[in-house]
Amino acid sequence: MTTVQIKKAVIKKISEIEDKSFLEAINTILDLKTETKVLHLSKEIRDEIIASREEIQQGQFVKNEVLEKELDEWLS
């Protein structure tokens, strides 16, 4: 069965249900699956992200491999 066929079958079955509490439960499940997760950041955090992106564009960063090597040397 294709995704479209499954959707149509589910819609048909749901349209035949009269049990309000069962429909509310299905609605809750569907809400959990279809909610768009939006991350709300403060102005300070957004400004930090913008500043970090600018630093990266200017080459002001250290690659992880280099940092790990330096850390290993420091811990030795």
PDB file of N, CA and C in Angstrom:
ATOM      1  N   MET A   1       0.849  -1.176   0.000  1.00  0.00           N
ATOM      2  CA  MET A   1       0.000   0.000   0.000  1.00  0.00           C
ATOM      3  C   MET A   1       0.896   1.241   0.000  1.00  0.00           C
ATOM      4  N   THR A   2       0.597   2.191  -0.850  1.00  0.00           N
ATOM      5  CA  THR A   2       1.407   3.409  -0.916  1.00  0.00           C
ATOM      6  C   THR A   2       1.035   4.352   0.218  1.00  0.00           C
ATOM      7  N   THR A   3       1.852   5.360   0.412  1.00  0.00           N
ATOM      8  CA  THR A   3       1.574   6.352   1.451  1.00  0.00           C
ATOM      9  C   THR A   3       0.242   7.044   1.191  1.00  0.00           C
ATOM     10  N   VAL A   4      -0.018   7.392  -0.046  1.00  0.00           N
ATOM     11  CA  VAL A   4      -1.267   8.060  -0.399  1.00  0.00           C
ATOM     12  C   VAL A   4      -2.462   7.153  -0.098  1.00  0.00           C
ATOM     13  N   GLN A   5      -2.336   5.892  -0.436  1.00  0.00           N
ATOM     14  CA  GLN A   5      -3.427   4.942  -0.169  1.00  0.00           C
ATOM     15  C   GLN A   5      -3.674   4.793   1.329  1.00  0.00           C
ATOM     16  N   ILE A   6      -2.603   4.737   2.089  1.00  0.00           N
ATOM     17  CA  ILE A   6      -2.738   4.624   3.553  1.00  0.00           C
ATOM     18  C   ILE A   6      -3.423   5.862   4.113  1.00  0.00           C
ATOM     19  N   LYS A   7      -3.010   7.041   3.660  1.00  0.00           N
ATOM     20  CA  LYS A   7      -3.636   8.283   4.130  1.00  0.00           C
ATOM     21  C   LYS A   7      -5.132   8.283   3.835  1.00  0.00           C
ATOM     22  N   LYS A   8      -5.499   7.898   2.627  1.00  0.00           N
ATOM     23  CA  LYS A   8      -6.918   7.866   2.256  1.00  0.00           C
ATOM     24  C   LYS A   8      -7.691   6.878   3.121  1.00  0.00           C
ATOM     25  N   ALA A   9      -7.112   5.711   3.387  1.00  0.00           N
ATOM     26  CA  ALA A   9      -7.774   4.708   4.217  1.00  0.00           C
ATOM     27  C   ALA A   9      -7.955   5.218   5.642  1.00  0.00           C
ATOM     28  N   VAL A  10      -6.929   5.864   6.177  1.00  0.00           N
ATOM     29  CA  VAL A  10      -7.002   6.393   7.544  1.00  0.00           C
ATOM     30  C   VAL A  10      -8.060   7.489   7.615  1.00  0.00           C
ATOM     31  N   ILE A  11      -8.069   8.384   6.647  1.00  0.00           N
ATOM     32  CA  ILE A  11      -9.062   9.468   6.626  1.00  0.00           C
ATOM     33  C   ILE A  11     -10.471   8.890   6.573  1.00  0.00           C
ATOM     34  N   LYS A  12     -10.671   7.885   5.742  1.00  0.00           N
ATOM     35  CA  LYS A  12     -11.993   7.258   5.619  1.00  0.00           C
ATOM     36  C   LYS A  12     -12.416   6.639   6.945  1.00  0.00           C
ATOM     37  N   LYS A  13     -11.492   5.914   7.586  1.00  0.00           N
ATOM     38  CA  LYS A  13     -11.822   5.271   8.856  1.00  0.00           C
ATOM     39  C   LYS A  13     -12.119   6.304   9.942  1.00  0.00           C
ATOM     40  N   ILE A  14     -11.319   7.353  10.004  1.00  0.00           N
ATOM     41  CA  ILE A  14     -11.532   8.393  11.016  1.00  0.00           C
ATOM     42  C   ILE A  14     -12.875   9.079  10.797  1.00  0.00           C
ATOM     43  N   SER A  15     -13.233   9.313   9.534  1.00  0.00           N
ATOM     44  CA  SER A  15     -14.506   9.992   9.257  1.00  0.00           C
ATOM     45  C   SER A  15     -15.711   9.165   9.711  1.00  0.00           C
ATOM     46  N   GLU A  16     -15.533   7.882   9.914  1.00  0.00           N
ATOM     47  CA  GLU A  16     -16.636   7.006  10.339  1.00  0.00           C
ATOM     48  C   GLU A  16     -16.727   6.870  11.858  1.00  0.00           C
ATOM     49  N   ILE A  17     -15.755   7.366  12.587  1.00  0.00           N
ATOM     50  CA  ILE A  17     -15.719   7.242  14.050  1.00  0.00           C
ATOM     51  C   ILE A  17     -16.575   8.334  14.677  1.00  0.00           C
ATOM     52  N   GLU A  18     -17.397   7.952  15.656  1.00  0.00           N
ATOM     53  CA  GLU A  18     -18.264   8.901  16.370  1.00  0.00           C
ATOM     54  C   GLU A  18     -17.826   9.107  17.821  1.00  0.00           C
ATOM     55  N   ASP A  19     -16.916   8.282  18.310  1.00  0.00           N
ATOM     56  CA  ASP A  19     -16.468   8.329  19.702  1.00  0.00           C
ATOM     57  C   ASP A  19     -15.574   9.560  19.906  1.00  0.00           C
ATOM     58  N   LYS A  20     -16.109  10.564  20.614  1.00  0.00           N
ATOM     59  CA  LYS A  20     -15.407  11.839  20.796  1.00  0.00           C
ATOM     60  C   LYS A  20     -14.062  11.663  21.510  1.00  0.00           C
ATOM     61  N   SER A  21     -14.019  10.884  22.574  1.00  0.00           N
ATOM     62  CA  SER A  21     -12.774  10.731  23.328  1.00  0.00           C
ATOM     63  C   SER A  21     -11.706  10.016  22.493  1.00  0.00           C
ATOM     64  N   PHE A  22     -12.140   9.063  21.674  1.00  0.00           N
ATOM     65  CA  PHE A  22     -11.195   8.378  20.790  1.00  0.00           C
ATOM     66  C   PHE A  22     -10.650   9.344  19.737  1.00  0.00           C
ATOM     67  N   LEU A  23     -11.536  10.174  19.175  1.00  0.00           N
ATOM     68  CA  LEU A  23     -11.105  11.167  18.185  1.00  0.00           C
ATOM     69  C   LEU A  23     -10.153  12.185  18.807  1.00  0.00           C
ATOM     70  N   GLU A  24     -10.416  12.567  20.061  1.00  0.00           N
ATOM     71  CA  GLU A  24      -9.516  13.492  20.751  1.00  0.00           C
ATOM     72  C   GLU A  24      -8.142  12.854  20.941  1.00  0.00           C
ATOM     73  N   ALA A  25      -8.106  11.565  21.262  1.00  0.00           N
ATOM     74  CA  ALA A  25      -6.837  10.857  21.424  1.00  0.00           C
ATOM     75  C   ALA A  25      -6.078  10.816  20.105  1.00  0.00           C
ATOM     76  N   ILE A  26      -6.789  10.509  19.033  1.00  0.00           N
ATOM     77  CA  ILE A  26      -6.144  10.506  17.707  1.00  0.00           C
ATOM     78  C   ILE A  26      -5.621  11.893  17.377  1.00  0.00           C
ATOM     79  N   ASN A  27      -6.423  12.912  17.682  1.00  0.00           N
ATOM     80  CA  ASN A  27      -6.003  14.287  17.409  1.00  0.00           C
ATOM     81  C   ASN A  27      -4.732  14.645  18.173  1.00  0.00           C
ATOM     82  N   THR A  28      -4.635  14.198  19.418  1.00  0.00           N
ATOM     83  CA  THR A  28      -3.437  14.443  20.225  1.00  0.00           C
ATOM     84  C   THR A  28      -2.216  13.783  19.585  1.00  0.00           C
ATOM     85  N   ILE A  29      -2.377  12.547  19.153  1.00  0.00           N
ATOM     86  CA  ILE A  29      -1.280  11.832  18.491  1.00  0.00           C
ATOM     87  C   ILE A  29      -0.859  12.569  17.224  1.00  0.00           C
ATOM     88  N   LEU A  30      -1.845  12.989  16.439  1.00  0.00           N
ATOM     89  CA  LEU A  30      -1.536  13.691  15.185  1.00  0.00           C
ATOM     90  C   LEU A  30      -0.859  15.032  15.451  1.00  0.00           C
ATOM     91  N   ASP A  31      -1.291  15.726  16.513  1.00  0.00           N
ATOM     92  CA  ASP A  31      -0.646  16.992  16.869  1.00  0.00           C
ATOM     93  C   ASP A  31       0.831  16.787  17.175  1.00  0.00           C
ATOM     94  N   LEU A  32       1.138  15.712  17.894  1.00  0.00           N
ATOM     95  CA  LEU A  32       2.531  15.436  18.238  1.00  0.00           C
ATOM     96  C   LEU A  32       3.373  15.153  17.003  1.00  0.00           C
ATOM     97  N   LYS A  33       2.771  14.556  15.984  1.00  0.00           N
ATOM     98  CA  LYS A  33       3.502  14.182  14.781  1.00  0.00           C
ATOM     99  C   LYS A  33       3.616  15.337  13.787  1.00  0.00           C
ATOM    100  N   THR A  34       2.689  16.293  13.839  1.00  0.00           N
ATOM    101  CA  THR A  34       2.664  17.336  12.817  1.00  0.00           C
ATOM    102  C   THR A  34       3.090  18.705  13.318  1.00  0.00           C
ATOM    103  N   GLU A  35       3.316  18.844  14.617  1.00  0.00           N
ATOM    104  CA  GLU A  35       3.726  20.148  15.139  1.00  0.00           C
ATOM    105  C   GLU A  35       5.064  20.560  14.568  1.00  0.00           C
ATOM    106  N   THR A  36       5.146  21.798  14.160  1.00  0.00           N
ATOM    107  CA  THR A  36       6.414  22.354  13.725  1.00  0.00           C
ATOM    108  C   THR A  36       7.123  22.875  14.965  1.00  0.00           C
ATOM    109  N   LYS A  37       8.301  22.360  15.185  1.00  0.00           N
ATOM    110  CA  LYS A  37       9.067  22.791  16.343  1.00  0.00           C
ATOM    111  C   LYS A  37       9.797  24.089  15.996  1.00  0.00           C
ATOM    112  N   VAL A  38       9.504  25.140  16.740  1.00  0.00           N
ATOM    113  CA  VAL A  38      10.139  26.425  16.518  1.00  0.00           C
ATOM    114  C   VAL A  38      10.951  26.755  17.754  1.00  0.00           C
ATOM    115  N   LEU A  39      12.189  27.031  17.524  1.00  0.00           N
ATOM    116  CA  LEU A  39      13.078  27.390  18.616  1.00  0.00           C
ATOM    117  C   LEU A  39      13.118  28.909  18.717  1.00  0.00           C
ATOM    118  N   HIS A  40      12.677  29.444  19.838  1.00  0.00           N
ATOM    119  CA  HIS A  40      12.666  30.885  20.043  1.00  0.00           C
ATOM    120  C   HIS A  40      13.930  31.272  20.802  1.00  0.00           C
ATOM    121  N   LEU A  41      14.733  32.117  20.183  1.00  0.00           N
ATOM    122  CA  LEU A  41      15.987  32.546  20.787  1.00  0.00           C
ATOM    123  C   LEU A  41      15.888  33.997  21.210  1.00  0.00           C
ATOM    124  N   SER A  42      16.590  34.314  22.284  1.00  0.00           N
ATOM    125  CA  SER A  42      16.626  35.709  22.726  1.00  0.00           C
ATOM    126  C   SER A  42      17.470  36.525  21.746  1.00  0.00           C
ATOM    127  N   LYS A  43      17.328  37.830  21.808  1.00  0.00           N
ATOM    128  CA  LYS A  43      18.106  38.715  20.933  1.00  0.00           C
ATOM    129  C   LYS A  43      19.599  38.522  21.167  1.00  0.00           C
ATOM    130  N   GLU A  44      19.982  38.328  22.428  1.00  0.00           N
ATOM    131  CA  GLU A  44      21.396  38.144  22.755  1.00  0.00           C
ATOM    132  C   GLU A  44      21.955  36.885  22.077  1.00  0.00           C
ATOM    133  N   ILE A  45      21.207  35.796  22.125  1.00  0.00           N
ATOM    134  CA  ILE A  45      21.658  34.548  21.506  1.00  0.00           C
ATOM    135  C   ILE A  45      21.733  34.707  19.987  1.00  0.00           C
ATOM    136  N   ARG A  46      20.713  35.342  19.395  1.00  0.00           N
ATOM    137  CA  ARG A  46      20.739  35.569  17.936  1.00  0.00           C
ATOM    138  C   ARG A  46      21.959  36.408  17.550  1.00  0.00           C
ATOM    139  N   ASP A  47      22.255  37.439  18.346  1.00  0.00           N
ATOM    140  CA  ASP A  47      23.422  38.279  18.070  1.00  0.00           C
ATOM    141  C   ASP A  47      24.718  37.476  18.163  1.00  0.00           C
ATOM    142  N   GLU A  48      24.805  36.564  19.143  1.00  0.00           N
ATOM    143  CA  GLU A  48      25.985  35.709  19.287  1.00  0.00           C
ATOM    144  C   GLU A  48      26.154  34.797  18.074  1.00  0.00           C
ATOM    145  N   ILE A  49      25.052  34.252  17.586  1.00  0.00           N
ATOM    146  CA  ILE A  49      25.101  33.381  16.406  1.00  0.00           C
ATOM    147  C   ILE A  49      25.573  34.166  15.191  1.00  0.00           C
ATOM    148  N   ILE A  50      25.054  35.363  15.015  1.00  0.00           N
ATOM    149  CA  ILE A  50      25.461  36.206  13.885  1.00  0.00           C
ATOM    150  C   ILE A  50      26.947  36.533  13.990  1.00  0.00           C
ATOM    151  N   ALA A  51      27.408  36.901  15.192  1.00  0.00           N
ATOM    152  CA  ALA A  51      28.823  37.235  15.386  1.00  0.00           C
ATOM    153  C   ALA A  51      29.697  36.007  15.115  1.00  0.00           C
ATOM    154  N   SER A  52      29.251  34.834  15.548  1.00  0.00           N
ATOM    155  CA  SER A  52      30.022  33.611  15.316  1.00  0.00           C
ATOM    156  C   SER A  52      30.121  33.285  13.835  1.00  0.00           C
ATOM    157  N   ARG A  53      29.035  33.464  13.113  1.00  0.00           N
ATOM    158  CA  ARG A  53      29.063  33.229  11.667  1.00  0.00           C
ATOM    159  C   ARG A  53      30.037  34.174  10.976  1.00  0.00           C
ATOM    160  N   GLU A  54      30.052  35.428  11.420  1.00  0.00           N
ATOM    161  CA  GLU A  54      30.988  36.399  10.833  1.00  0.00           C
ATOM    162  C   GLU A  54      32.433  35.998  11.116  1.00  0.00           C
ATOM    163  N   GLU A  55      32.707  35.517  12.328  1.00  0.00           N
ATOM    164  CA  GLU A  55      34.053  35.067  12.674  1.00  0.00           C
ATOM    165  C   GLU A  55      34.473  33.896  11.794  1.00  0.00           C
ATOM    166  N   ILE A  56      33.561  32.977  11.562  1.00  0.00           N
ATOM    167  CA  ILE A  56      33.868  31.824  10.702  1.00  0.00           C
ATOM    168  C   ILE A  56      34.185  32.296   9.290  1.00  0.00           C
ATOM    169  N   GLN A  57      33.378  33.224   8.770  1.00  0.00           N
ATOM    170  CA  GLN A  57      33.620  33.743   7.420  1.00  0.00           C
ATOM    171  C   GLN A  57      34.976  34.433   7.312  1.00  0.00           C
ATOM    172  N   GLN A  58      35.449  34.998   8.420  1.00  0.00           N
ATOM    173  CA  GLN A  58      36.744  35.674   8.437  1.00  0.00           C
ATOM    174  C   GLN A  58      37.887  34.720   8.766  1.00  0.00           C
ATOM    175  N   GLY A  59      37.571  33.456   8.928  1.00  0.00           N
ATOM    176  CA  GLY A  59      38.601  32.468   9.207  1.00  0.00           C
ATOM    177  C   GLY A  59      39.056  32.430  10.650  1.00  0.00           C
ATOM    178  N   GLN A  60      38.300  33.009  11.537  1.00  0.00           N
ATOM    179  CA  GLN A  60      38.672  33.070  12.951  1.00  0.00           C
ATOM    180  C   GLN A  60      38.078  31.875  13.703  1.00  0.00           C
ATOM    181  N   PHE A  61      38.644  30.697  13.422  1.00  0.00           N
ATOM    182  CA  PHE A  61      38.186  29.496  14.095  1.00  0.00           C
ATOM    183  C   PHE A  61      39.311  28.481  14.095  1.00  0.00           C
ATOM    184  N   VAL A  62      39.146  27.435  14.907  1.00  0.00           N
ATOM    185  CA  VAL A  62      40.116  26.356  14.975  1.00  0.00           C
ATOM    186  C   VAL A  62      39.371  25.074  14.616  1.00  0.00           C
ATOM    187  N   LYS A  63      39.957  24.292  13.695  1.00  0.00           N
ATOM    188  CA  LYS A  63      39.332  23.030  13.318  1.00  0.00           C
ATOM    189  C   LYS A  63      39.383  22.075  14.498  1.00  0.00           C
ATOM    190  N   ASN A  64      38.373  21.231  14.593  1.00  0.00           N
ATOM    191  CA  ASN A  64      38.253  20.290  15.697  1.00  0.00           C
ATOM    192  C   ASN A  64      39.472  19.382  15.808  1.00  0.00           C
ATOM    193  N   GLU A  65      39.988  18.916  14.666  1.00  0.00           N
ATOM    194  CA  GLU A  65      41.145  18.015  14.681  1.00  0.00           C
ATOM    195  C   GLU A  65      42.357  18.705  15.309  1.00  0.00           C
ATOM    196  N   VAL A  66      42.560  19.968  14.985  1.00  0.00           N
ATOM    197  CA  VAL A  66      43.682  20.727  15.538  1.00  0.00           C
ATOM    198  C   VAL A  66      43.495  20.895  17.033  1.00  0.00           C
ATOM    199  N   LEU A  67      42.290  21.225  17.442  1.00  0.00           N
ATOM    200  CA  LEU A  67      42.009  21.417  18.853  1.00  0.00           C
ATOM    201  C   LEU A  67      42.203  20.122  19.638  1.00  0.00           C
ATOM    202  N   GLU A  68      41.754  19.000  19.077  1.00  0.00           N
ATOM    203  CA  GLU A  68      41.940  17.712  19.745  1.00  0.00           C
ATOM    204  C   GLU A  68      43.422  17.371  19.881  1.00  0.00           C
ATOM    205  N   LYS A  69      44.220  17.656  18.854  1.00  0.00           N
ATOM    206  CA  LYS A  69      45.661  17.396  18.892  1.00  0.00           C
ATOM    207  C   LYS A  69      46.307  18.256  19.992  1.00  0.00           C
ATOM    208  N   GLU A  70      45.931  19.518  20.042  1.00  0.00           N
ATOM    209  CA  GLU A  70      46.481  20.409  21.071  1.00  0.00           C
ATOM    210  C   GLU A  70      46.098  19.913  22.471  1.00  0.00           C
ATOM    211  N   LEU A  71      44.860  19.457  22.617  1.00  0.00           N
ATOM    212  CA  LEU A  71      44.406  18.957  23.907  1.00  0.00           C
ATOM    213  C   LEU A  71      45.159  17.703  24.308  1.00  0.00           C
ATOM    214  N   ASP A  72      45.348  16.790  23.350  1.00  0.00           N
ATOM    215  CA  ASP A  72      46.120  15.579  23.635  1.00  0.00           C
ATOM    216  C   ASP A  72      47.538  15.904  24.075  1.00  0.00           C
ATOM    217  N   GLU A  73      48.172  16.878  23.384  1.00  0.00           N
ATOM    218  CA  GLU A  73      49.535  17.303  23.745  1.00  0.00           C
ATOM    219  C   GLU A  73      49.545  17.927  25.132  1.00  0.00           C
ATOM    220  N   TRP A  74      48.552  18.705  25.442  1.00  0.00           N
ATOM    221  CA  TRP A  74      48.483  19.366  26.735  1.00  0.00           C
ATOM    222  C   TRP A  74      48.290  18.359  27.860  1.00  0.00           C
ATOM    223  N   LEU A  75      47.478  17.312  27.576  1.00  0.00           N
ATOM    224  CA  LEU A  75      47.203  16.315  28.615  1.00  0.00           C
ATOM    225  C   LEU A  75      48.342  15.318  28.787  1.00  0.00           C
ATOM    226  N   SER A  76      49.268  15.227  27.838  1.00  0.00           N
ATOM    227  CA  SER A  76      50.367  14.269  27.925  1.00  0.00           C
ATOM    228  C   SER A  76      51.397  14.688  28.942  1.00  0.00           C
TER     229      SER A  76
END
